[in-house]
Protein backbone atom coordinates (compact mmCIF):
# COMPACT_ATOMS: atom_id res chain seq x y z
CA MET A 1 16.55 31.42 75.28
CA LYS A 2 13.41 32.66 76.82
CA PRO A 3 10.01 31.12 75.60
CA ARG A 4 8.39 33.30 73.05
CA ASP A 5 5.28 34.06 75.41
CA GLU A 6 7.40 35.23 78.28
CA GLU A 7 7.04 38.83 79.28
CA ASP A 8 10.02 41.11 78.74
CA GLY A 9 11.65 42.90 81.50
CA SER A 10 9.18 45.87 81.34
CA GLY A 11 6.15 43.59 82.27
CA GLY A 12 4.68 43.53 78.83
CA ILE A 13 4.94 41.13 75.78
CA ALA A 14 7.86 41.78 73.49
CA GLY A 15 6.75 43.82 70.60
CA SER A 16 8.87 42.28 68.14
CA ASP A 17 7.10 38.92 68.53
CA TRP A 18 4.09 40.47 66.78
CA ASN A 19 5.52 42.98 64.39
CA LEU A 20 3.42 45.70 66.11
CA ASP A 21 4.99 48.38 64.29
CA ARG A 22 3.45 47.35 61.19
CA ILE A 23 0.16 46.30 62.71
CA VAL A 24 -0.16 49.70 64.54
CA ALA A 25 0.45 51.61 61.44
CA GLU A 26 -1.95 49.73 59.35
CA LEU A 27 -4.66 50.38 62.16
CA ARG A 28 -4.01 54.05 61.91
CA VAL A 29 -4.59 54.29 58.15
CA SER A 30 -7.67 52.19 58.61
CA ARG A 31 -8.82 54.66 61.21
CA ALA A 32 -8.07 57.85 59.03
CA GLY A 33 -9.91 56.21 56.06
CA SER A 34 -12.95 55.20 58.02
CA GLN A 35 -13.14 58.88 59.53
CA ALA A 36 -12.28 60.60 56.31
CA GLY A 37 -16.03 61.71 55.63
CA ASP A 38 -16.83 62.92 59.21
CA LYS A 39 -14.03 64.47 60.88
CA HIS A 40 -16.05 65.47 63.90
CA GLU A 41 -16.01 61.88 64.93
CA GLN A 42 -12.32 62.15 65.50
CA ALA A 43 -12.74 64.52 68.35
CA ALA A 44 -16.28 63.96 69.71
CA PRO A 45 -16.56 61.15 72.58
CA LEU A 46 -19.52 59.01 72.23
CA PRO A 47 -21.86 58.34 75.15
CA SER A 48 -20.56 55.53 77.30
CA ARG A 49 -22.45 52.21 77.02
CA LYS A 50 -21.37 51.17 80.63
CA ALA A 51 -22.64 54.77 82.00
CA VAL A 52 -25.92 54.18 80.59
CA ALA A 53 -26.22 50.78 81.96
CA ARG A 54 -25.50 52.02 85.34
CA ILE A 55 -28.16 54.64 84.58
CA ILE A 56 -30.69 52.15 83.79
CA ASP A 57 -29.96 50.24 86.98
CA GLY A 58 -30.59 53.63 88.72
CA LEU A 59 -33.90 54.18 87.14
CA PHE A 60 -35.02 50.57 87.63
CA ALA A 61 -34.17 51.04 91.45
CA ALA A 62 -36.04 54.34 91.67
CA LEU A 63 -39.06 53.11 89.77
CA PHE A 64 -39.28 49.74 91.55
CA PRO A 65 -37.36 50.17 94.89
CA THR A 66 -39.47 47.48 96.99
CA HIS A 67 -38.68 45.09 94.40
CA PHE A 68 -35.22 45.40 93.28
CA VAL A 69 -33.57 47.03 96.22
CA LEU A 70 -35.51 47.62 99.57
CA PRO A 71 -37.96 45.46 100.55
CA ASP A 72 -38.46 46.33 104.26
CA LEU A 73 -38.07 50.23 104.35
CA THR A 74 -40.95 52.63 105.52
CA ASP A 75 -42.94 54.65 103.00
CA GLU A 76 -40.66 57.85 104.29
CA GLY A 77 -37.46 55.53 103.98
CA ILE A 78 -38.47 54.55 100.35
CA ASP A 79 -39.19 58.37 99.22
CA TYR A 80 -35.74 59.21 100.73
CA PHE A 81 -33.79 56.48 98.45
CA VAL A 82 -35.92 57.14 95.53
CA GLY A 83 -35.06 61.00 95.80
CA GLN A 84 -31.45 60.21 96.32
CA THR A 85 -31.12 57.50 93.56
CA LEU A 86 -32.85 59.67 90.92
CA ASP A 87 -30.64 62.77 91.88
CA ALA A 88 -27.71 60.86 91.21
CA THR A 89 -28.92 58.83 87.89
CA LEU A 90 -30.17 62.14 86.49
CA ARG A 91 -26.92 63.95 87.11
CA SER A 92 -25.16 60.92 85.29
CA LEU A 93 -27.71 60.99 82.55
CA VAL A 94 -27.42 64.51 81.86
CA ASN A 95 -23.58 64.20 81.20
CA GLN A 96 -24.36 61.28 78.60
CA VAL A 97 -27.10 63.45 77.05
CA ARG A 98 -24.56 66.32 76.61
CA LEU A 99 -22.12 63.85 75.19
CA GLU A 100 -24.56 62.87 72.58
CA LEU A 101 -25.50 66.41 71.69
CA GLN A 102 -21.53 67.36 71.12
CA PHE A 103 -21.18 64.23 68.77
CA ALA A 104 -24.36 64.92 66.94
CA SER A 105 -23.69 68.73 66.53
CA ARG A 106 -22.58 69.83 62.99
CA GLN A 107 -22.08 73.41 64.41
CA PRO A 108 -18.69 73.92 65.46
CA ASP A 109 -19.28 77.50 66.72
CA GLN A 110 -22.03 76.10 69.18
CA SER A 111 -20.93 76.83 72.78
CA SER A 112 -20.83 73.92 75.13
CA GLY A 113 -22.87 76.20 77.45
CA ASP A 114 -25.89 75.85 75.18
CA GLN A 115 -25.50 72.17 74.91
CA ALA A 116 -25.18 71.80 78.80
CA GLN A 117 -28.31 73.69 79.10
CA GLN A 118 -30.23 71.65 76.39
CA ALA A 119 -28.88 68.70 78.04
CA THR A 120 -30.32 69.78 81.30
CA ARG A 121 -33.50 70.52 79.69
CA ILE A 122 -34.06 67.16 77.91
CA THR A 123 -33.17 65.46 81.41
CA ARG A 124 -35.46 67.35 83.33
CA GLU A 125 -38.37 66.51 81.10
CA PHE A 126 -37.35 63.01 80.98
CA ALA A 127 -37.62 62.87 84.56
CA ALA A 128 -41.00 64.76 84.63
CA ARG A 129 -42.29 61.70 82.57
CA LEU A 130 -41.21 59.05 84.82
CA PRO A 131 -44.56 58.85 86.86
CA GLU A 132 -46.39 58.17 83.43
CA VAL A 133 -43.71 55.64 82.37
CA ARG A 134 -44.08 53.73 85.75
CA ALA A 135 -47.82 53.72 85.32
CA LEU A 136 -47.64 52.08 81.81
CA LEU A 137 -45.22 49.63 83.21
CA GLU A 138 -47.81 48.78 85.62
CA ASN A 139 -50.27 47.95 83.14
CA ASP A 140 -47.82 45.92 81.11
CA ILE A 141 -47.18 43.76 84.26
CA LEU A 142 -50.71 43.26 84.99
CA ALA A 143 -51.37 42.18 81.34
CA ALA A 144 -48.48 39.59 81.44
CA TYR A 145 -49.82 38.20 84.74
CA GLN A 146 -53.42 37.98 83.35
CA GLY A 147 -52.39 36.61 79.93
CA ASP A 148 -49.96 33.89 81.07
CA PRO A 149 -51.47 31.01 83.17
CA ALA A 150 -48.12 29.88 84.24
CA ALA A 151 -47.71 33.22 86.15
CA LYS A 152 -47.86 32.67 89.77
CA SER A 153 -47.95 36.05 90.97
CA VAL A 154 -47.66 39.71 89.70
CA GLU A 155 -44.21 39.73 91.44
CA GLU A 156 -42.96 36.92 89.50
CA VAL A 157 -43.78 38.55 86.33
CA ARG A 158 -42.09 41.83 87.55
CA VAL A 159 -38.88 40.42 88.41
CA CYS A 160 -38.47 37.34 85.94
CA TYR A 161 -40.32 37.82 82.63
CA PRO A 162 -37.71 39.00 79.93
CA GLY A 163 -40.82 40.61 78.04
CA ILE A 164 -41.23 42.88 81.04
CA TRP A 165 -37.36 43.61 81.31
CA ALA A 166 -37.61 44.64 77.61
CA ILE A 167 -40.73 46.74 77.68
CA THR A 168 -39.22 48.52 80.57
CA HIS A 169 -36.22 49.41 78.81
CA HIS A 170 -38.06 50.32 75.93
CA ARG A 171 -40.25 52.65 77.57
CA LEU A 172 -37.45 54.57 78.97
CA ALA A 173 -35.78 54.61 75.75
CA HIS A 174 -38.59 55.72 73.75
CA GLN A 175 -38.95 58.91 76.01
CA LEU A 176 -35.51 59.80 75.06
CA TYR A 177 -36.05 59.09 71.65
CA LEU A 178 -38.84 61.52 71.44
CA LEU A 179 -36.74 63.94 73.34
CA GLY A 180 -34.19 64.12 70.77
CA VAL A 181 -31.27 61.82 71.87
CA PRO A 182 -31.74 58.60 69.86
CA LEU A 183 -28.27 57.29 70.20
CA LEU A 184 -28.65 56.99 73.88
CA ALA A 185 -31.98 55.34 73.44
CA ARG A 186 -30.62 52.78 70.86
CA ILE A 187 -28.09 52.06 73.56
CA ILE A 188 -30.73 51.34 76.16
CA ALA A 189 -32.79 49.30 73.52
CA GLU A 190 -29.54 47.25 72.67
CA LEU A 191 -28.97 46.56 76.51
CA ALA A 192 -32.17 44.96 76.59
CA HIS A 193 -31.73 43.23 72.97
CA SER A 194 -28.55 41.72 74.67
CA ALA A 195 -30.29 40.35 77.71
CA THR A 196 -33.34 39.00 76.43
CA GLY A 197 -33.17 38.46 72.55
CA ILE A 198 -35.84 40.85 72.27
CA ASP A 199 -35.10 43.75 69.57
CA ILE A 200 -37.30 46.92 70.08
CA HIS A 201 -36.39 50.02 68.21
CA PRO A 202 -36.86 52.86 70.54
CA GLY A 203 -38.78 54.71 67.97
CA ALA A 204 -41.72 52.20 68.01
CA LYS A 205 -45.03 53.47 69.30
CA ILE A 206 -46.35 50.91 71.89
CA GLY A 207 -49.75 51.45 73.77
CA ALA A 208 -50.60 50.32 77.31
CA SER A 209 -50.91 46.55 78.50
CA PHE A 210 -48.31 45.11 76.15
CA PHE A 211 -47.32 41.70 76.79
CA ILE A 212 -44.44 39.63 75.11
CA ASP A 213 -44.74 35.96 76.09
CA HIS A 214 -41.37 34.15 75.93
CA GLY A 215 -39.98 36.68 73.83
CA THR A 216 -36.88 35.39 72.30
CA GLY A 217 -36.43 36.61 68.77
CA VAL A 218 -38.99 39.16 68.64
CA VAL A 219 -38.20 42.13 66.43
CA ILE A 220 -40.29 45.34 66.30
CA GLY A 221 -39.01 48.29 63.83
CA GLU A 222 -38.60 51.91 64.24
CA THR A 223 -41.87 53.27 62.78
CA ALA A 224 -44.14 50.33 64.03
CA ILE A 225 -47.38 51.74 66.01
CA ILE A 226 -48.90 48.89 68.47
CA GLY A 227 -52.16 49.82 70.02
CA ARG A 228 -53.46 48.61 73.46
CA ARG A 229 -53.78 45.44 75.09
CA VAL A 230 -51.47 43.68 72.16
CA ARG A 231 -49.90 40.31 72.61
CA LEU A 232 -47.04 38.96 70.97
CA TYR A 233 -45.14 35.41 71.30
CA GLN A 234 -41.47 34.58 70.41
CA ALA A 235 -39.82 35.07 67.18
CA VAL A 236 -42.53 37.46 65.94
CA THR A 237 -41.37 40.16 63.45
CA LEU A 238 -42.83 43.65 62.68
CA GLY A 239 -40.51 44.49 59.99
CA ALA A 240 -40.04 46.48 56.93
CA LYS A 241 -40.84 44.99 53.44
CA SER A 242 -38.68 47.18 51.18
CA PHE A 243 -36.29 49.96 51.80
CA PRO A 244 -36.90 52.87 49.22
CA VAL A 245 -33.47 54.33 47.65
CA GLY A 246 -33.22 57.87 46.82
CA GLY A 247 -31.52 59.43 43.98
CA ASP A 248 -28.04 59.37 45.18
CA GLY A 249 -28.21 55.62 45.89
CA THR A 250 -28.72 55.91 49.70
CA LEU A 251 -31.62 54.52 51.68
CA ILE A 252 -34.47 56.90 52.39
CA LYS A 253 -34.87 56.97 56.17
CA GLY A 254 -37.52 58.19 58.39
CA ILE A 255 -40.40 57.04 56.17
CA PRO A 256 -43.20 54.91 57.61
CA ARG A 257 -42.34 51.31 56.82
CA HIS A 258 -43.47 49.13 59.67
CA PRO A 259 -46.83 47.63 60.55
CA ILE A 260 -49.60 49.03 62.53
CA VAL A 261 -51.20 46.73 65.04
CA GLU A 262 -54.61 47.98 66.43
CA ASP A 263 -55.85 47.25 69.68
CA ASP A 264 -56.52 43.76 71.05
CA VAL A 265 -54.39 41.83 68.63
CA VAL A 266 -52.66 38.57 69.23
CA ILE A 267 -49.82 37.49 67.17
CA TYR A 268 -48.47 33.99 67.68
CA ALA A 269 -44.96 32.52 67.61
CA GLY A 270 -43.02 32.80 64.27
CA ALA A 271 -45.31 35.09 62.29
CA THR A 272 -43.77 37.86 60.05
CA ILE A 273 -45.58 40.71 59.10
CA LEU A 274 -43.81 43.37 56.92
CA GLY A 275 -44.64 46.88 55.34
CA ARG A 276 -46.68 49.52 56.36
CA VAL A 277 -49.84 47.32 56.61
CA THR A 278 -52.51 47.40 59.16
CA ILE A 279 -53.60 44.45 61.35
CA GLY A 280 -57.29 45.33 62.40
CA ARG A 281 -58.43 45.66 65.95
CA GLY A 282 -59.10 42.27 67.67
CA SER A 283 -57.56 39.90 64.90
CA THR A 284 -55.42 36.79 65.67
CA ILE A 285 -52.48 35.86 63.61
CA GLY A 286 -51.47 32.31 63.61
CA GLY A 287 -47.94 30.96 64.26
CA ASN A 288 -45.42 31.01 61.27
CA VAL A 289 -47.76 33.20 59.19
CA TRP A 290 -45.89 35.24 56.53
CA LEU A 291 -48.08 38.62 55.99
CA THR A 292 -47.64 41.48 53.57
CA ARG A 293 -51.02 42.92 53.42
CA SER A 294 -53.55 44.52 55.72
CA VAL A 295 -56.33 42.55 57.50
CA PRO A 296 -59.71 43.77 58.63
CA PRO A 297 -60.68 44.07 62.14
CA GLY A 298 -61.61 40.76 63.63
CA SER A 299 -59.71 38.71 61.15
CA ASN A 300 -58.29 35.20 62.18
CA ILE A 301 -55.39 34.43 59.63
CA THR A 302 -53.58 30.97 59.63
CA GLN A 303 -50.63 29.75 57.84
CA ALA A 304 -52.74 27.61 55.62
CA GLN A 305 -55.20 30.52 54.79
CA VAL A 306 -52.17 32.37 53.68
CA ARG A 307 -50.82 29.52 51.65
CA SER A 308 -54.02 28.95 49.69
CA GLU A 309 -54.22 32.64 48.91
CA GLU A 310 -50.59 33.13 47.51
CA PHE A 311 -50.49 29.80 45.48
CA ASP A 312 -53.88 28.34 44.86
CA LYS A 313 -55.35 31.55 43.84
CA GLY A 314 -52.14 33.17 42.52
CA ALA A 315 -52.27 36.12 44.73
CA GLY A 316 -48.99 37.95 45.55
CA ILE A 317 -47.05 35.71 42.93
């Protein structure tokens, strides 16, 4: 008698060992049930996470060729490499954009030619914004170097810091979000989230010279607006306080529900700021503060102050 884990003569595991006929049938029923309300999902392929990861690698190489790929080439050689890399990367991107447009389309009579033209237009506009994105990233890198006494060089910050890795993904994803391909943008955001533990929704608006120090556990919601020269530490949450529900019982989406953080604000580790509140310019929010109200410019909010307001004076209870 052959062992139960021995392969059968065809090179596969014997199906009778696992009752595969029943399992396959039940999985088919489950798929049919999950797709019953959205039939177009059955035929429309999604963008590929692996392909998007390769696209991001190509964009990183094109944006920072001497730091991630080619340290010794001449300027002319670098320009040639950047041009070739961008061409291949953008050709791949246009295919992924087209897949998202096909998946999202609710108009079965829309021609694939129209979607191909739209995908090309979106990709061309995205490419045109890359120099601006790179300039923003240089400001972010400099802000991290100036804001962290442990940083020995700008190049260390560029290649090692998880906050820079996360904001680079975000600035690319945000442009795609603005251009109308939010699924691709979300995939890029989740690639960074998986690698760094920093969760930035691609819809969040983040100004220049942004620095996340350490970074693990940072969460920034979709409608958050962050000004210039803002610094966050690990485990900071810029989240929503509540989720309004419509008459049909489903969440109302797209409404402003996350904080506005004005210029030159510092938010220390573990702080949680919820709702559409405004943190005034130049304020400092201390570690582990739980904040659900706006604060004026120049505020210095500590955990002890918040506890005193909520419990000793009765506010918010």
